[in-house]
């Protein structure tokens, strides 16, 4: 009689079924997070607070960038090339420029684009060499550049800041500037 009651009662039947079958986990292995990996995070002391009379009043990254610009350009001629307030010496789109490197190689071309970004300022030159268009980007404050010389300015200033349209058209594209500059020298 005891066995008949045990079989008939649902709680006893569920307990017996649970002991017979192992319970499988619902989550798959790819979703389980390993607890053995520990990452250490370095904690540094906080920076001193700005006060009205302290030297940290200026922007710290700006001060570092100014010191690096002075280090790469103590005479100031590179800064004058990208300074818009000096129209006589600054680079403009359409200018013909010759760049002389420290290894005594040079490249001349028309300025297509100028990127004024502090220490990361650069300009893009385009020239045609043996009928093939060649573009070269130069960093203004690069220590490998010995000099940047403006050879010729256009008669009328260009209306656009980026002259990317000269790439696809034969009408606007530059000619071979190397031979033109050599003829002008002699």
N, C-alpha and C. Protein backbone atom coordinates (compact mmCIF):
# COMPACT_ATOMS: atom_id res chain seq x y z
N UNK A 1 0.80 -1.17 0.00
CA UNK A 1 0.00 0.00 0.00
C UNK A 1 0.87 1.27 0.00
N UNK A 2 1.94 1.26 0.64
CA UNK A 2 2.84 2.41 0.68
C UNK A 2 3.39 2.72 -0.70
N UNK A 3 3.70 1.64 -1.44
CA UNK A 3 4.22 1.85 -2.78
C UNK A 3 3.17 2.45 -3.70
N UNK A 4 1.99 2.12 -3.59
CA UNK A 4 0.93 2.65 -4.44
C UNK A 4 0.72 4.13 -4.17
N UNK A 5 0.80 4.55 -2.95
CA UNK A 5 0.64 5.98 -2.61
C UNK A 5 1.83 6.77 -3.14
N UNK A 6 3.01 6.21 -3.02
CA UNK A 6 4.20 6.91 -3.49
C UNK A 6 4.16 7.10 -4.99
N UNK A 7 3.63 6.09 -5.70
CA UNK A 7 3.55 6.24 -7.15
C UNK A 7 2.46 7.22 -7.53
N UNK A 8 1.43 7.31 -6.78
CA UNK A 8 0.31 8.15 -7.14
C UNK A 8 0.54 9.61 -6.79
N UNK A 9 1.28 9.91 -5.77
CA UNK A 9 1.49 11.29 -5.35
C UNK A 9 2.45 11.99 -6.33
N UNK A 10 2.11 13.18 -6.87
CA UNK A 10 2.94 13.83 -7.89
C UNK A 10 4.27 14.35 -7.34
N UNK A 11 4.36 14.80 -6.11
CA UNK A 11 5.60 15.32 -5.55
C UNK A 11 6.64 14.21 -5.44
N UNK A 12 6.20 13.03 -5.06
CA UNK A 12 7.11 11.91 -4.93
C UNK A 12 7.58 11.46 -6.31
N UNK A 13 6.71 11.47 -7.26
CA UNK A 13 7.07 11.08 -8.62
C UNK A 13 8.08 12.07 -9.21
N UNK A 14 7.91 13.36 -8.94
CA UNK A 14 8.84 14.37 -9.46
C UNK A 14 10.21 14.24 -8.81
N UNK A 15 10.25 13.91 -7.50
CA UNK A 15 11.52 13.74 -6.79
C UNK A 15 12.25 12.52 -7.30
N UNK A 16 11.50 11.45 -7.59
CA UNK A 16 12.11 10.24 -8.09
C UNK A 16 12.65 10.49 -9.51
N UNK A 17 11.91 11.24 -10.33
CA UNK A 17 12.37 11.52 -11.70
C UNK A 17 13.59 12.42 -11.68
N UNK A 18 13.67 13.31 -10.71
CA UNK A 18 14.80 14.22 -10.63
C UNK A 18 16.06 13.48 -10.24
N UNK A 19 15.93 12.46 -9.43
CA UNK A 19 17.11 11.72 -9.04
C UNK A 19 17.59 10.79 -10.14
N UNK A 20 16.72 10.41 -11.03
CA UNK A 20 17.12 9.50 -12.09
C UNK A 20 17.83 10.22 -13.24
N UNK A 21 17.41 11.46 -13.62
CA UNK A 21 18.00 12.18 -14.75
C UNK A 21 18.86 13.33 -14.25
N UNK A 22 20.04 13.50 -14.80
CA UNK A 22 20.82 14.69 -14.44
C UNK A 22 20.23 15.93 -15.13
N UNK A 23 20.24 17.07 -14.44
CA UNK A 23 19.69 18.31 -15.00
C UNK A 23 20.76 18.94 -15.90
N UNK A 24 20.39 19.24 -17.12
CA UNK A 24 21.33 19.86 -18.06
C UNK A 24 21.26 21.38 -17.91
N UNK A 25 22.41 22.07 -18.03
CA UNK A 25 22.37 23.54 -17.90
C UNK A 25 21.64 24.17 -19.08
N UNK A 26 20.95 25.27 -18.81
CA UNK A 26 20.20 25.96 -19.85
C UNK A 26 21.14 26.77 -20.75
N UNK A 27 22.14 27.47 -20.17
CA UNK A 27 23.06 28.29 -20.96
C UNK A 27 24.13 27.43 -21.60
N UNK A 28 24.50 27.79 -22.80
CA UNK A 28 25.59 27.05 -23.45
C UNK A 28 26.92 27.57 -22.93
N UNK A 29 27.99 26.89 -23.26
CA UNK A 29 29.31 27.19 -22.74
C UNK A 29 29.84 28.54 -23.25
N UNK A 30 29.44 28.96 -24.42
CA UNK A 30 29.96 30.19 -24.98
C UNK A 30 29.47 31.43 -24.25
N UNK A 31 28.39 31.31 -23.49
CA UNK A 31 27.87 32.44 -22.76
C UNK A 31 28.38 32.53 -21.34
N UNK A 32 29.08 31.51 -20.86
CA UNK A 32 29.58 31.54 -19.50
C UNK A 32 30.81 32.42 -19.40
N UNK A 33 30.92 33.17 -18.34
CA UNK A 33 32.03 34.09 -18.14
C UNK A 33 33.03 33.43 -17.21
N UNK A 34 34.29 33.44 -17.63
CA UNK A 34 35.34 32.86 -16.81
C UNK A 34 35.65 33.79 -15.65
N UNK A 35 35.78 33.24 -14.47
CA UNK A 35 36.06 34.06 -13.29
C UNK A 35 37.52 33.99 -12.89
N UNK A 36 38.36 33.29 -13.66
CA UNK A 36 39.76 33.14 -13.29
C UNK A 36 40.63 34.30 -13.80
N UNK A 37 40.11 35.10 -14.74
CA UNK A 37 40.91 36.19 -15.29
C UNK A 37 40.66 37.46 -14.48
N UNK A 38 41.76 38.02 -13.97
CA UNK A 38 41.68 39.25 -13.22
C UNK A 38 42.56 40.27 -13.93
N UNK A 39 42.04 41.48 -14.14
CA UNK A 39 42.81 42.54 -14.75
C UNK A 39 43.14 43.57 -13.68
N UNK A 40 44.41 44.02 -13.68
CA UNK A 40 44.80 45.05 -12.73
C UNK A 40 44.78 46.39 -13.45
N UNK A 41 44.26 47.38 -12.79
CA UNK A 41 44.17 48.72 -13.34
C UNK A 41 45.05 49.63 -12.50
N UNK A 42 45.97 50.34 -13.20
CA UNK A 42 46.83 51.27 -12.49
C UNK A 42 46.05 52.53 -12.15
N UNK A 43 46.21 52.98 -10.93
CA UNK A 43 45.54 54.20 -10.49
C UNK A 43 46.61 55.23 -10.20
N UNK A 44 46.52 56.37 -10.86
CA UNK A 44 47.50 57.43 -10.69
C UNK A 44 46.92 58.53 -9.80
N UNK A 45 47.81 59.31 -9.25
CA UNK A 45 47.39 60.43 -8.41
C UNK A 45 46.71 61.47 -9.29
N UNK A 46 45.70 62.15 -8.81
CA UNK A 46 45.01 63.15 -9.64
C UNK A 46 45.91 64.34 -9.92
N UNK A 47 45.66 65.01 -11.05
CA UNK A 47 46.41 66.21 -11.40
C UNK A 47 46.07 67.34 -10.44
N UNK A 48 47.01 68.26 -10.22
CA UNK A 48 46.69 69.38 -9.32
C UNK A 48 45.59 70.24 -9.93
N UNK A 49 44.79 70.83 -9.07
CA UNK A 49 43.68 71.66 -9.52
C UNK A 49 44.18 73.00 -10.03
N UNK A 50 43.43 73.55 -10.97
CA UNK A 50 43.78 74.85 -11.52
C UNK A 50 43.36 75.95 -10.55
N UNK A 51 44.26 76.85 -10.32
CA UNK A 51 43.94 78.04 -9.53
C UNK A 51 44.25 79.25 -10.41
N UNK A 52 43.67 80.40 -10.14
CA UNK A 52 43.87 81.56 -11.02
C UNK A 52 45.32 81.97 -11.21
N UNK A 53 46.18 81.78 -10.24
CA UNK A 53 47.57 82.22 -10.37
C UNK A 53 48.54 81.12 -10.76
N UNK A 54 48.06 79.90 -10.96
CA UNK A 54 48.97 78.79 -11.21
C UNK A 54 49.38 78.73 -12.68
N UNK A 55 50.55 78.12 -12.97
CA UNK A 55 50.97 78.01 -14.37
C UNK A 55 50.14 77.00 -15.16
N UNK A 56 49.31 76.20 -14.50
CA UNK A 56 48.47 75.23 -15.20
C UNK A 56 47.18 75.87 -15.73
N UNK A 57 47.14 77.21 -15.70
CA UNK A 57 45.94 77.89 -16.17
C UNK A 57 45.74 77.67 -17.67
N UNK A 58 46.82 77.58 -18.43
CA UNK A 58 46.71 77.35 -19.88
C UNK A 58 46.45 75.87 -20.15
N UNK A 59 46.03 75.59 -21.35
CA UNK A 59 45.77 74.22 -21.76
C UNK A 59 47.08 73.46 -21.81
N UNK A 60 47.15 72.33 -21.16
CA UNK A 60 48.40 71.58 -21.06
C UNK A 60 48.84 71.04 -22.41
N UNK A 61 47.92 70.48 -23.18
CA UNK A 61 48.30 69.95 -24.50
C UNK A 61 48.71 71.07 -25.44
N UNK A 62 48.08 72.22 -25.32
CA UNK A 62 48.46 73.37 -26.14
C UNK A 62 49.86 73.84 -25.83
N UNK A 63 50.23 73.81 -24.55
CA UNK A 63 51.57 74.23 -24.15
C UNK A 63 52.61 73.25 -24.66
N UNK A 64 52.30 71.96 -24.59
CA UNK A 64 53.23 70.95 -25.09
C UNK A 64 53.39 71.09 -26.61
N UNK A 65 52.30 71.32 -27.30
CA UNK A 65 52.36 71.47 -28.76
C UNK A 65 53.16 72.70 -29.16
N UNK A 66 53.00 73.79 -28.43
CA UNK A 66 53.77 75.01 -28.73
C UNK A 66 55.26 74.77 -28.53
N UNK A 67 55.62 74.02 -27.48
CA UNK A 67 57.04 73.76 -27.25
C UNK A 67 57.61 72.85 -28.33
N UNK A 68 56.81 71.89 -28.81
CA UNK A 68 57.29 71.03 -29.89
C UNK A 68 57.40 71.79 -31.21
N UNK A 69 56.48 72.70 -31.47
CA UNK A 69 56.58 73.53 -32.68
C UNK A 69 57.82 74.38 -32.62
N UNK A 70 58.10 74.96 -31.47
CA UNK A 70 59.32 75.76 -31.32
C UNK A 70 60.57 74.90 -31.48
N UNK A 71 60.52 73.67 -31.02
CA UNK A 71 61.66 72.77 -31.15
C UNK A 71 61.95 72.45 -32.62
N UNK A 72 60.87 72.20 -33.42
CA UNK A 72 61.07 71.85 -34.83
C UNK A 72 61.21 73.07 -35.72
N UNK A 73 60.80 74.25 -35.25
CA UNK A 73 60.84 75.46 -36.07
C UNK A 73 61.27 76.66 -35.24
N UNK A 74 62.56 76.72 -34.83
CA UNK A 74 62.98 77.85 -34.00
C UNK A 74 62.98 79.17 -34.76
N UNK A 75 63.22 79.16 -36.08
CA UNK A 75 63.26 80.41 -36.84
C UNK A 75 61.85 80.92 -37.17
N UNK A 76 60.87 80.03 -37.24
CA UNK A 76 59.50 80.44 -37.47
C UNK A 76 59.06 80.47 -38.92
N UNK A 77 59.91 80.01 -39.86
CA UNK A 77 59.52 80.07 -41.28
C UNK A 77 58.48 79.01 -41.63
N UNK A 78 58.47 77.90 -40.92
CA UNK A 78 57.45 76.87 -41.19
C UNK A 78 56.07 77.34 -40.69
N UNK A 79 56.07 77.98 -39.52
CA UNK A 79 54.81 78.50 -39.00
C UNK A 79 54.25 79.59 -39.90
N UNK A 80 55.11 80.37 -40.52
CA UNK A 80 54.66 81.42 -41.43
C UNK A 80 54.02 80.84 -42.68
N UNK A 81 54.41 79.60 -43.06
CA UNK A 81 53.82 78.98 -44.25
C UNK A 81 52.36 78.62 -44.07
N UNK A 82 51.95 78.32 -42.85
CA UNK A 82 50.56 77.92 -42.63
C UNK A 82 49.74 78.97 -41.90
N UNK A 83 50.33 80.14 -41.64
CA UNK A 83 49.63 81.21 -40.93
C UNK A 83 48.82 82.04 -41.93
N UNK A 84 47.51 82.00 -41.81
CA UNK A 84 46.63 82.71 -42.76
C UNK A 84 46.71 84.22 -42.62
N UNK A 85 47.16 84.71 -41.48
CA UNK A 85 47.21 86.15 -41.27
C UNK A 85 48.34 86.82 -42.04
N UNK A 86 49.29 86.03 -42.56
CA UNK A 86 50.40 86.57 -43.35
C UNK A 86 50.22 86.14 -44.80
N UNK A 87 49.50 86.90 -45.61
CA UNK A 87 49.20 86.45 -46.98
C UNK A 87 50.41 86.42 -47.90
N UNK A 88 51.49 87.14 -47.56
CA UNK A 88 52.66 87.14 -48.45
C UNK A 88 53.45 85.84 -48.35
N UNK A 89 53.50 85.25 -47.17
CA UNK A 89 54.34 84.07 -46.99
C UNK A 89 53.58 82.77 -46.84
N UNK A 90 52.26 82.83 -46.66
CA UNK A 90 51.53 81.58 -46.40
C UNK A 90 51.24 80.83 -47.69
N UNK A 91 51.11 79.52 -47.56
CA UNK A 91 50.76 78.67 -48.69
C UNK A 91 49.29 78.84 -49.02
N UNK A 92 48.97 78.84 -50.31
CA UNK A 92 47.58 78.90 -50.76
C UNK A 92 47.38 77.84 -51.83
N UNK A 93 46.17 77.38 -52.00
CA UNK A 93 45.90 76.41 -53.06
C UNK A 93 46.22 77.02 -54.42
N UNK A 94 46.90 76.25 -55.25
CA UNK A 94 47.29 76.73 -56.57
C UNK A 94 48.73 77.18 -56.66
N UNK A 95 49.40 77.37 -55.52
CA UNK A 95 50.81 77.78 -55.54
C UNK A 95 51.68 76.65 -56.09
N UNK A 96 52.74 77.03 -56.79
CA UNK A 96 53.76 76.07 -57.23
C UNK A 96 54.87 76.11 -56.19
N UNK A 97 55.16 74.95 -55.59
CA UNK A 97 56.07 74.87 -54.45
C UNK A 97 57.14 73.82 -54.72
N UNK A 98 58.37 74.11 -54.26
CA UNK A 98 59.46 73.13 -54.32
C UNK A 98 59.86 72.77 -52.90
N UNK A 99 59.90 71.46 -52.61
CA UNK A 99 60.26 70.96 -51.29
C UNK A 99 61.62 70.27 -51.40
N UNK A 100 62.59 70.73 -50.63
CA UNK A 100 63.92 70.13 -50.61
C UNK A 100 64.07 69.34 -49.32
N UNK A 101 64.44 68.06 -49.46
CA UNK A 101 64.60 67.20 -48.29
C UNK A 101 66.05 67.20 -47.84
N UNK A 102 66.30 66.59 -46.68
CA UNK A 102 67.66 66.51 -46.14
C UNK A 102 68.57 65.62 -46.96
N UNK A 103 68.01 64.64 -47.67
CA UNK A 103 68.84 63.77 -48.49
C UNK A 103 69.06 64.36 -49.89
N UNK A 104 68.87 65.67 -50.04
CA UNK A 104 69.11 66.46 -51.25
C UNK A 104 68.24 66.06 -52.43
N UNK A 105 67.09 65.43 -52.17
CA UNK A 105 66.11 65.20 -53.22
C UNK A 105 65.05 66.28 -53.10
N UNK A 106 64.44 66.61 -54.22
CA UNK A 106 63.42 67.64 -54.18
C UNK A 106 62.20 67.18 -54.98
N UNK A 107 61.08 67.78 -54.65
CA UNK A 107 59.83 67.52 -55.36
C UNK A 107 59.13 68.85 -55.50
N UNK A 108 58.68 69.14 -56.70
CA UNK A 108 57.93 70.37 -56.90
C UNK A 108 56.56 70.02 -57.44
N UNK A 109 55.57 70.83 -57.09
CA UNK A 109 54.23 70.56 -57.55
C UNK A 109 53.29 71.68 -57.15
N UNK A 110 52.05 71.54 -57.59
CA UNK A 110 51.03 72.51 -57.26
C UNK A 110 50.35 72.10 -55.95
N UNK A 111 50.11 73.07 -55.09
CA UNK A 111 49.45 72.80 -53.82
C UNK A 111 47.98 72.55 -54.10
N UNK A 112 47.53 71.33 -53.77
CA UNK A 112 46.12 70.96 -53.96
C UNK A 112 45.34 71.16 -52.68
N UNK A 113 45.92 70.80 -51.54
CA UNK A 113 45.20 70.88 -50.28
C UNK A 113 46.18 71.25 -49.17
N UNK A 114 45.67 71.98 -48.20
CA UNK A 114 46.45 72.35 -47.02
C UNK A 114 45.63 71.96 -45.80
N UNK A 115 46.29 71.27 -44.87
CA UNK A 115 45.63 70.87 -43.62
C UNK A 115 46.35 71.58 -42.49
N UNK A 116 45.68 72.54 -41.89
CA UNK A 116 46.26 73.31 -40.79
C UNK A 116 45.80 72.71 -39.48
N UNK A 117 46.71 71.96 -38.84
CA UNK A 117 46.34 71.23 -37.62
C UNK A 117 47.48 71.27 -36.62
N UNK A 118 48.02 72.45 -36.36
CA UNK A 118 49.09 72.59 -35.39
C UNK A 118 50.35 71.85 -35.82
N UNK A 119 50.82 70.98 -34.97
CA UNK A 119 52.05 70.23 -35.26
C UNK A 119 51.85 69.22 -36.38
N UNK A 120 50.62 68.79 -36.62
CA UNK A 120 50.33 67.82 -37.68
C UNK A 120 49.93 68.49 -38.99
N UNK A 121 50.27 69.75 -39.19
CA UNK A 121 49.91 70.46 -40.42
C UNK A 121 50.64 69.83 -41.61
N UNK A 122 49.92 69.77 -42.73
CA UNK A 122 50.51 69.17 -43.92
C UNK A 122 49.92 69.82 -45.16
N UNK A 123 50.56 69.56 -46.30
CA UNK A 123 50.04 70.04 -47.57
C UNK A 123 50.27 68.97 -48.62
N UNK A 124 49.42 68.99 -49.64
CA UNK A 124 49.44 67.97 -50.69
C UNK A 124 49.87 68.62 -51.99
N UNK A 125 50.91 68.06 -52.62
CA UNK A 125 51.42 68.57 -53.89
C UNK A 125 51.08 67.60 -55.00
N UNK A 126 50.81 68.15 -56.20
CA UNK A 126 50.53 67.32 -57.38
C UNK A 126 51.41 67.79 -58.51
N UNK A 127 51.97 66.82 -59.23
CA UNK A 127 52.81 67.10 -60.39
C UNK A 127 52.58 65.98 -61.40
N UNK A 128 52.90 66.25 -62.65
CA UNK A 128 52.87 65.22 -63.67
C UNK A 128 54.30 64.89 -64.03
N UNK A 129 54.66 63.63 -63.86
CA UNK A 129 56.00 63.18 -64.21
C UNK A 129 55.85 62.14 -65.29
N UNK A 130 56.43 62.41 -66.45
CA UNK A 130 56.32 61.59 -67.67
C UNK A 130 54.86 61.23 -67.98
N UNK A 131 53.98 62.22 -67.85
CA UNK A 131 52.59 62.03 -68.20
C UNK A 131 51.74 61.34 -67.15
N UNK A 132 52.33 60.99 -66.03
CA UNK A 132 51.60 60.29 -64.97
C UNK A 132 51.44 61.23 -63.78
N UNK A 133 50.21 61.37 -63.28
CA UNK A 133 49.97 62.25 -62.14
C UNK A 133 50.53 61.67 -60.86
N UNK A 134 51.31 62.48 -60.15
CA UNK A 134 51.94 62.04 -58.89
C UNK A 134 51.56 63.04 -57.80
N UNK A 135 51.10 62.52 -56.66
CA UNK A 135 50.77 63.36 -55.52
C UNK A 135 51.63 62.96 -54.33
N UNK A 136 52.00 63.96 -53.56
CA UNK A 136 52.85 63.70 -52.40
C UNK A 136 52.41 64.62 -51.27
N UNK A 137 52.22 64.05 -50.08
CA UNK A 137 51.81 64.83 -48.92
C UNK A 137 53.03 65.03 -48.02
N UNK A 138 53.24 66.28 -47.59
CA UNK A 138 54.38 66.62 -46.74
C UNK A 138 53.89 67.24 -45.44
N UNK A 139 54.50 66.82 -44.35
CA UNK A 139 54.23 67.42 -43.05
C UNK A 139 55.09 68.69 -42.93
N UNK A 140 54.50 69.78 -42.52
CA UNK A 140 55.21 71.06 -42.49
C UNK A 140 56.34 71.02 -41.47
N UNK A 141 56.12 70.42 -40.31
CA UNK A 141 57.12 70.41 -39.25
C UNK A 141 57.98 69.15 -39.26
N UNK A 142 58.04 68.45 -40.36
CA UNK A 142 58.85 67.24 -40.44
C UNK A 142 60.34 67.59 -40.40
N UNK A 143 61.13 66.88 -39.60
CA UNK A 143 62.56 67.20 -39.55
C UNK A 143 63.31 66.75 -40.80
N UNK A 144 62.70 65.96 -41.67
CA UNK A 144 63.37 65.53 -42.90
C UNK A 144 63.29 66.57 -44.01
N UNK A 145 62.53 67.63 -43.82
CA UNK A 145 62.41 68.69 -44.82
C UNK A 145 63.39 69.80 -44.50
N UNK A 146 64.24 70.12 -45.48
CA UNK A 146 65.22 71.18 -45.30
C UNK A 146 64.62 72.55 -45.61
N UNK A 147 63.91 72.66 -46.75
CA UNK A 147 63.31 73.95 -47.10
C UNK A 147 62.07 73.75 -47.96
N UNK A 148 61.17 74.73 -47.87
CA UNK A 148 59.96 74.77 -48.69
C UNK A 148 59.95 76.14 -49.34
N UNK A 149 60.00 76.13 -50.68
CA UNK A 149 60.12 77.39 -51.41
C UNK A 149 58.90 77.58 -52.32
N UNK A 150 58.29 78.73 -52.24
CA UNK A 150 57.18 79.06 -53.13
C UNK A 150 57.78 79.60 -54.42
N UNK A 151 57.62 78.85 -55.51
CA UNK A 151 58.22 79.23 -56.79
C UNK A 151 57.34 80.24 -57.52
N UNK A 152 56.04 79.97 -57.57
CA UNK A 152 55.15 80.84 -58.33
C UNK A 152 53.76 80.80 -57.70
N UNK A 153 53.09 81.94 -57.76
CA UNK A 153 51.71 82.02 -57.32
C UNK A 153 50.81 82.19 -58.54
N UNK A 154 49.55 81.73 -58.45
CA UNK A 154 48.66 81.90 -59.60
C UNK A 154 48.29 83.38 -59.80
N UNK A 155 47.93 83.73 -61.04
CA UNK A 155 47.55 85.11 -61.34
C UNK A 155 46.29 85.49 -60.56
N UNK A 156 45.29 84.63 -60.60
CA UNK A 156 44.07 84.84 -59.82
C UNK A 156 44.05 83.80 -58.71
N UNK A 157 43.74 84.19 -57.48
CA UNK A 157 43.65 83.19 -56.41
C UNK A 157 42.54 82.19 -56.68
N UNK A 158 42.76 80.95 -56.30
CA UNK A 158 41.75 79.90 -56.49
C UNK A 158 40.61 80.13 -55.52
N UNK A 159 39.41 79.78 -55.97
CA UNK A 159 38.22 80.01 -55.15
C UNK A 159 37.94 78.88 -54.19
N UNK A 160 38.61 77.78 -54.35
CA UNK A 160 38.34 76.62 -53.50
C UNK A 160 39.54 76.37 -52.59
N UNK A 161 39.26 75.78 -51.43
CA UNK A 161 40.33 75.45 -50.50
C UNK A 161 41.01 74.14 -50.87
N UNK A 162 40.26 73.20 -51.44
CA UNK A 162 40.80 71.91 -51.87
C UNK A 162 40.59 71.79 -53.38
N UNK A 163 41.66 71.58 -54.10
CA UNK A 163 41.59 71.52 -55.56
C UNK A 163 41.59 70.09 -56.06
N UNK A 164 40.74 69.24 -55.49
CA UNK A 164 40.71 67.84 -55.89
C UNK A 164 40.15 67.67 -57.29
N UNK A 165 39.49 68.67 -57.84
CA UNK A 165 38.91 68.55 -59.17
C UNK A 165 39.96 68.50 -60.26
N UNK A 166 41.21 68.86 -59.97
CA UNK A 166 42.25 68.82 -61.00
C UNK A 166 42.69 67.39 -61.31
N UNK A 167 42.33 66.45 -60.46
CA UNK A 167 42.75 65.06 -60.66
C UNK A 167 42.13 64.45 -61.91
N UNK A 168 40.86 64.71 -62.13
CA UNK A 168 40.16 63.99 -63.18
C UNK A 168 40.10 64.69 -64.51
N UNK A 169 40.47 65.96 -64.60
CA UNK A 169 40.29 66.68 -65.86
C UNK A 169 41.64 67.05 -66.46
N UNK A 170 41.73 66.97 -67.77
CA UNK A 170 42.96 67.37 -68.45
C UNK A 170 43.02 68.87 -68.58
N UNK A 171 41.89 69.55 -68.52
CA UNK A 171 41.84 71.01 -68.64
C UNK A 171 42.50 71.68 -67.44
N UNK A 172 42.20 71.20 -66.23
CA UNK A 172 42.69 71.84 -65.01
C UNK A 172 43.98 71.24 -64.47
N UNK A 173 44.36 70.06 -64.95
CA UNK A 173 45.50 69.35 -64.37
C UNK A 173 46.80 70.09 -64.66
N UNK A 174 47.76 69.93 -63.77
CA UNK A 174 49.06 70.59 -63.91
C UNK A 174 49.86 69.89 -65.00
N UNK A 175 50.76 70.63 -65.62
CA UNK A 175 51.67 70.05 -66.59
C UNK A 175 52.90 69.53 -65.88
N UNK A 176 53.96 69.28 -66.64
CA UNK A 176 55.21 68.84 -66.02
C UNK A 176 55.93 70.07 -65.48
N UNK A 177 55.90 70.22 -64.18
CA UNK A 177 56.41 71.42 -63.54
C UNK A 177 57.92 71.41 -63.39
N UNK A 178 58.53 70.25 -63.35
CA UNK A 178 59.98 70.17 -63.18
C UNK A 178 60.70 70.85 -64.33
N UNK A 179 60.28 70.55 -65.56
CA UNK A 179 60.93 71.16 -66.72
C UNK A 179 60.65 72.65 -66.76
N UNK A 180 59.46 73.07 -66.37
CA UNK A 180 59.13 74.50 -66.35
C UNK A 180 59.98 75.25 -65.34
N UNK A 181 60.20 74.67 -64.19
CA UNK A 181 61.01 75.33 -63.16
C UNK A 181 62.46 75.38 -63.58
N UNK A 182 62.98 74.32 -64.22
CA UNK A 182 64.38 74.33 -64.69
C UNK A 182 64.58 75.38 -65.77
N UNK A 183 63.61 75.56 -66.67
CA UNK A 183 63.72 76.57 -67.72
C UNK A 183 63.70 77.98 -67.13
N UNK A 184 62.96 78.18 -66.08
CA UNK A 184 62.89 79.47 -65.42
C UNK A 184 64.20 79.82 -64.73
N UNK A 185 64.89 78.85 -64.22
CA UNK A 185 66.14 79.10 -63.49
C UNK A 185 67.24 79.58 -64.41
N UNK A 186 67.29 79.05 -65.62
CA UNK A 186 68.41 79.38 -66.53
C UNK A 186 68.08 80.48 -67.49
